[in-house]
Amino acid sequence: MFGQWERDVVGTMKDYKMIAMIPARLGSKRIPKKNIRYLGDKPLIRYPIDLALQIPDFESVWVNTESEELGRAAERFGAGFHKRPEEFSADHCTNREFTYHFMCRHECDYVIMVNSTSPLLRPETLRGFIRFVKEHNYDTVLSTISEKAESFYRGKPLNFDLKNKVNSQMLEPVEKTVWAMTAWKRETFMDLERKGICPVFGGNLATFPIPKDEACDLDTEEDWHIAEGAVRARELAGQEPRYLQLEEEA
C-alpha cells in the first residue's frame, strides 16, 4: 500500500531541485515559545537548521514563520526567512495552507519539510530520505515509525487475531506518521490545491520508516522531557554500561 513495498526497486538518482522548509510558529500553545526554548545546549529551532545545512542536496534552507523576530534569528543561524501570513499561523491552520503559500514563492521540484519538533533526527537519516526521494518518482513521502505490536483501532484489532497469541516478530508492522520529514512534489501539490483537493497526502504516496529514537514529536511537556532524556543519552553514548554486582552463591 502507498507504494512502500516498491522500495527494493532502486531507481535512477534524479537531479531534483530541492528546498528545505522548516515550519516554526513563535506563538505555540501547548509548549509556549517552544522554538526558542533551549533543549540541551541550544534552542529548538537550531536543530533543524543545523541539520538541513549539512545536506548539500538542498539548494536553500528556509524557516517558515509568522514571527519577524524568529525569522531574524533563523537568518543569524544561516537559514532564510519566509514570512508566513498571520492567518496561516492560527491554531486551526495546517501544513496544507502554509506549504502552499511557501510553494507559490519558491520555485523547485520538491519541498522537503523538516520539522523543528523532531530535534533528534540524525544527518544520515535525512540523507537516506533524500536519496529515497531522488531514486523514485513519488509525489508525497511521509516519515513514519514501523512497529510490530498488537494494535487496535476503535476497539478492533488491526494486525492480529484475538483468538491467537503470536510472538511480536511475527506480526505485520503498523506504521505511524511522525512528520519529522515530509517530501512534496511541488507541481502535484499545487495542482491538487488549486482543484480543491487536499494535497498533503496527494498523488503517488510512499512511507519512509525512521528509527524510533529519532521520531519524537514535541507537542506536550511530556514529549519535551522525553526529548531531554534522549539528548542526555546521546551525550553519554560510548560509555561502558554498568551492571548490578550479584553475589555468588556460597
Protein backbone atom coordinates (compact mmCIF):
# COMPACT_ATOMS: atom_id res chain seq x y z
CA MET A 1 0.00 0.00 0.00
CA PHE A 2 1.06 3.57 -0.72
CA GLY A 3 3.97 2.25 -2.74
CA GLN A 4 6.20 1.45 0.20
CA TRP A 5 6.61 -2.14 -0.93
CA GLU A 6 8.43 -0.88 -4.02
CA ARG A 7 11.46 0.21 -2.03
CA ASP A 8 13.53 -2.77 -3.06
CA VAL A 9 13.46 -1.47 -6.64
CA VAL A 10 16.21 1.10 -6.76
CA GLY A 11 15.64 3.72 -9.43
CA THR A 12 17.98 6.16 -11.12
CA MET A 13 19.09 9.06 -8.97
CA LYS A 14 17.43 12.20 -10.35
CA ASP A 15 18.85 15.66 -10.02
CA TYR A 16 15.83 17.30 -8.46
CA LYS A 17 15.89 20.87 -7.21
CA MET A 18 15.08 20.56 -3.52
CA ILE A 19 14.36 23.21 -0.91
CA ALA A 20 14.18 22.62 2.84
CA MET A 21 11.27 24.26 4.65
CA ILE A 22 11.26 24.41 8.45
CA PRO A 23 7.86 25.43 9.86
CA ALA A 24 8.12 27.26 13.17
CA ARG A 25 5.50 29.31 14.98
CA LEU A 26 6.54 31.60 17.79
CA GLY A 27 3.06 31.50 19.26
CA SER A 28 2.88 27.79 20.04
CA LYS A 29 0.31 26.96 22.73
CA ARG A 30 0.90 23.50 24.24
CA ILE A 31 4.60 24.20 24.77
CA PRO A 32 4.81 28.02 24.92
CA LYS A 33 7.57 29.53 22.76
CA LYS A 34 8.99 26.06 22.19
CA ASN A 35 11.00 27.04 19.12
CA ILE A 36 13.15 29.43 21.16
CA ARG A 37 13.28 27.25 24.27
CA TYR A 38 16.60 25.59 24.96
CA LEU A 39 16.79 21.82 24.53
CA GLY A 40 20.18 20.80 25.82
CA ASP A 41 22.72 23.40 24.78
CA LYS A 42 20.79 25.18 22.00
CA PRO A 43 17.31 26.49 21.17
CA LEU A 44 14.94 24.08 19.46
CA ILE A 45 14.90 25.99 16.16
CA ARG A 46 18.64 25.45 15.72
CA TYR A 47 18.28 21.67 15.49
CA PRO A 48 16.55 21.53 12.08
CA ILE A 49 18.56 24.48 10.75
CA ASP A 50 21.89 22.90 11.68
CA LEU A 51 20.69 19.56 10.30
CA ALA A 52 19.43 20.88 6.96
CA LEU A 53 22.54 22.99 6.38
CA GLN A 54 24.59 19.78 6.45
CA ILE A 55 22.73 18.41 3.41
CA PRO A 56 24.27 19.58 0.12
CA ASP A 57 21.19 18.40 -1.83
CA PHE A 58 19.24 21.40 -0.55
CA GLU A 59 19.54 24.43 -2.78
CA SER A 60 18.34 26.56 0.13
CA VAL A 61 17.02 26.23 3.67
CA TRP A 62 14.12 28.36 4.89
CA VAL A 63 12.35 28.87 8.19
CA ASN A 64 8.64 29.42 7.56
CA THR A 65 7.30 31.56 10.40
CA GLU A 66 4.88 34.38 11.17
CA SER A 67 7.39 35.98 13.55
CA GLU A 68 9.78 38.69 12.37
CA GLU A 69 11.91 38.13 15.50
CA LEU A 70 12.17 34.38 14.94
CA GLY A 71 12.84 34.95 11.25
CA ARG A 72 15.77 37.22 12.02
CA ALA A 73 17.13 34.65 14.47
CA ALA A 74 16.87 31.99 11.74
CA GLU A 75 18.88 34.22 9.41
CA ARG A 76 21.60 34.59 12.07
CA PHE A 77 21.77 30.79 12.25
CA GLY A 78 22.23 30.51 8.48
CA ALA A 79 18.71 29.89 7.14
CA GLY A 80 16.46 32.07 5.00
CA PHE A 81 13.33 33.71 6.40
CA HIS A 82 9.99 33.07 4.70
CA LYS A 83 7.34 35.35 6.21
CA ARG A 84 4.15 33.39 6.77
CA PRO A 85 0.91 35.41 6.84
CA GLU A 86 -0.66 35.66 10.28
CA GLU A 87 -3.81 33.89 9.08
CA PHE A 88 -1.76 30.77 8.36
CA SER A 89 -0.41 30.69 11.91
CA ALA A 90 -3.71 30.24 13.70
CA ASP A 91 -4.32 27.08 15.72
CA HIS A 92 -6.79 25.72 13.14
CA CYS A 93 -4.36 26.02 10.23
CA THR A 94 -2.40 23.01 8.96
CA ASN A 95 0.67 22.43 6.83
CA ARG A 96 -1.64 22.48 3.80
CA GLU A 97 -2.10 26.26 3.93
CA PHE A 98 1.38 27.44 4.82
CA THR A 99 3.09 24.97 2.48
CA TYR A 100 1.05 26.13 -0.49
CA HIS A 101 1.87 29.76 0.34
CA PHE A 102 5.56 28.82 0.53
CA MET A 103 5.45 26.95 -2.79
CA CYS A 104 3.86 29.91 -4.54
CA ARG A 105 7.00 31.90 -3.74
CA HIS A 106 9.78 29.32 -4.16
CA GLU A 107 10.48 27.51 -7.43
CA CYS A 108 11.69 23.92 -7.02
CA ASP A 109 10.88 20.30 -7.81
CA TYR A 110 10.43 19.20 -4.20
CA VAL A 111 9.82 20.93 -0.90
CA ILE A 112 11.24 18.89 1.97
CA MET A 113 9.61 19.82 5.27
CA VAL A 114 11.98 19.29 8.21
CA ASN A 115 10.11 19.79 11.46
CA SER A 116 11.59 21.69 14.38
CA THR A 117 9.50 19.44 16.64
CA SER A 118 11.70 16.46 15.69
CA PRO A 119 15.10 17.56 17.04
CA LEU A 120 16.53 14.05 17.32
CA LEU A 121 16.83 13.43 13.58
CA ARG A 122 20.31 12.40 12.52
CA PRO A 123 22.02 13.59 9.31
CA GLU A 124 22.30 10.04 7.95
CA THR A 125 18.54 9.58 8.26
CA LEU A 126 17.79 12.79 6.39
CA ARG A 127 20.36 11.86 3.73
CA GLY A 128 18.69 8.46 3.33
CA PHE A 129 15.30 10.13 3.00
CA ILE A 130 16.63 12.47 0.30
CA ARG A 131 18.21 9.55 -1.53
CA PHE A 132 14.90 7.65 -1.44
CA VAL A 133 13.08 10.64 -2.91
CA LYS A 134 15.68 11.00 -5.66
CA GLU A 135 15.55 7.32 -6.59
CA HIS A 136 11.77 7.30 -7.05
CA ASN A 137 9.08 9.47 -8.50
CA TYR A 138 6.63 9.78 -5.64
CA ASP A 139 4.51 12.88 -5.20
CA THR A 140 4.44 12.57 -1.40
CA VAL A 141 6.79 10.79 1.00
CA LEU A 142 5.90 10.63 4.70
CA SER A 143 8.28 9.73 7.53
CA THR A 144 6.90 7.03 9.81
CA ILE A 145 7.81 4.63 12.56
CA SER A 146 7.12 0.95 11.97
CA GLU A 147 6.05 -1.09 14.99
CA LYS A 148 5.35 -4.78 15.38
CA ALA A 149 2.89 -4.62 18.24
CA GLU A 150 -0.70 -5.70 18.79
CA SER A 151 -2.60 -2.62 17.65
CA PHE A 152 -6.24 -1.57 17.90
CA TYR A 153 -8.40 0.94 16.06
CA ARG A 154 -11.75 1.82 17.63
CA GLY A 155 -11.53 -1.24 19.82
CA LYS A 156 -10.89 -3.66 16.98
CA PRO A 157 -7.56 -5.42 16.31
CA LEU A 158 -5.67 -4.18 13.28
CA ASN A 159 -2.87 -6.65 12.78
CA PHE A 160 -3.63 -9.66 14.97
CA ASP A 161 -6.34 -12.15 15.89
CA LEU A 162 -7.86 -12.04 19.37
CA LYS A 163 -8.15 -15.82 19.28
CA ASN A 164 -4.42 -16.38 18.93
CA LYS A 165 -1.23 -15.11 20.56
CA VAL A 166 1.86 -14.95 18.41
CA ASN A 167 5.31 -13.53 19.06
CA SER A 168 5.59 -9.87 18.11
CA GLN A 169 8.18 -10.55 15.42
CA MET A 170 5.51 -12.50 13.52
CA LEU A 171 3.09 -9.56 13.37
CA GLU A 172 2.54 -7.32 10.37
CA PRO A 173 4.05 -3.93 11.23
CA VAL A 174 1.83 -0.91 11.81
CA GLU A 175 3.16 2.41 10.50
CA LYS A 176 2.54 5.72 12.26
CA THR A 177 3.16 9.05 10.58
CA VAL A 178 5.54 11.21 12.64
CA TRP A 179 6.01 14.29 10.38
CA ALA A 180 9.72 14.50 11.15
CA MET A 181 10.38 14.83 7.40
CA THR A 182 7.96 15.11 4.51
CA ALA A 183 8.64 15.41 0.78
CA TRP A 184 6.12 17.02 -1.55
CA LYS A 185 6.48 17.32 -5.30
CA ARG A 186 5.68 20.98 -5.82
CA GLU A 187 3.87 20.60 -9.13
CA THR A 188 1.49 17.93 -7.81
CA PHE A 189 0.84 19.68 -4.50
CA MET A 190 -0.04 22.97 -6.14
CA ASP A 191 -2.20 21.37 -8.83
CA LEU A 192 -4.26 19.48 -6.25
CA GLU A 193 -4.64 22.55 -4.05
CA ARG A 194 -5.93 24.61 -6.97
CA LYS A 195 -8.51 21.90 -7.65
CA GLY A 196 -9.67 21.99 -4.03
CA ILE A 197 -8.24 18.53 -3.28
CA CYS A 198 -6.21 18.01 -0.13
CA PRO A 199 -2.59 17.76 -1.36
CA VAL A 200 -0.98 16.74 1.93
CA PHE A 201 -1.42 13.04 1.13
CA GLY A 202 -1.79 13.59 -2.60
CA GLY A 203 -0.67 11.73 -5.68
CA ASN A 204 1.55 8.68 -5.58
CA LEU A 205 2.41 8.30 -1.89
CA ALA A 206 5.14 6.36 -0.10
CA THR A 207 6.25 6.00 3.51
CA PHE A 208 9.80 6.05 4.86
CA PRO A 209 10.29 4.44 8.30
CA ILE A 210 12.83 6.12 10.57
CA PRO A 211 14.44 4.92 13.82
CA LYS A 212 12.22 5.22 16.89
CA ASP A 213 14.80 7.21 18.82
CA GLU A 214 14.63 9.95 16.16
CA ALA A 215 10.85 10.10 15.90
CA CYS A 216 9.86 12.26 18.86
CA ASP A 217 7.28 14.94 18.11
CA LEU A 218 7.33 17.76 20.65
CA ASP A 219 3.69 18.64 21.30
CA THR A 220 3.50 18.46 25.11
CA GLU A 221 5.70 18.93 28.16
CA GLU A 222 5.85 15.15 28.47
CA ASP A 223 7.29 14.97 24.93
CA TRP A 224 9.82 17.64 25.87
CA HIS A 225 11.01 15.70 28.92
CA ILE A 226 11.43 12.57 26.79
CA ALA A 227 13.49 14.52 24.25
CA GLU A 228 15.65 15.95 27.03
CA GLY A 229 16.35 12.41 28.20
CA ALA A 230 17.26 11.35 24.66
CA VAL A 231 19.62 14.30 24.24
CA ARG A 232 21.27 13.39 27.53
CA ALA A 233 21.54 9.75 26.48
CA ARG A 234 23.38 10.77 23.32
CA GLU A 235 25.82 12.76 25.40
CA LEU A 236 26.55 9.57 27.34
CA ALA A 237 26.88 7.41 24.22
CA GLY A 238 30.08 5.39 24.12
CA GLN A 239 30.41 4.97 27.85
CA GLU A 240 30.73 1.46 29.15
CA PRO A 241 27.47 0.07 30.57
CA ARG A 242 27.29 -0.52 34.33
CA TYR A 243 25.70 -3.57 35.97
CA LEU A 244 24.48 -4.59 39.39
CA GLN A 245 27.07 -6.76 41.07
CA LEU A 246 25.40 -10.03 42.05
CA GLU A 247 26.67 -12.03 44.97
CA GLU A 248 27.92 -15.50 44.19
CA GLU A 249 26.41 -18.46 45.98
CA ALA A 250 28.40 -19.69 48.97
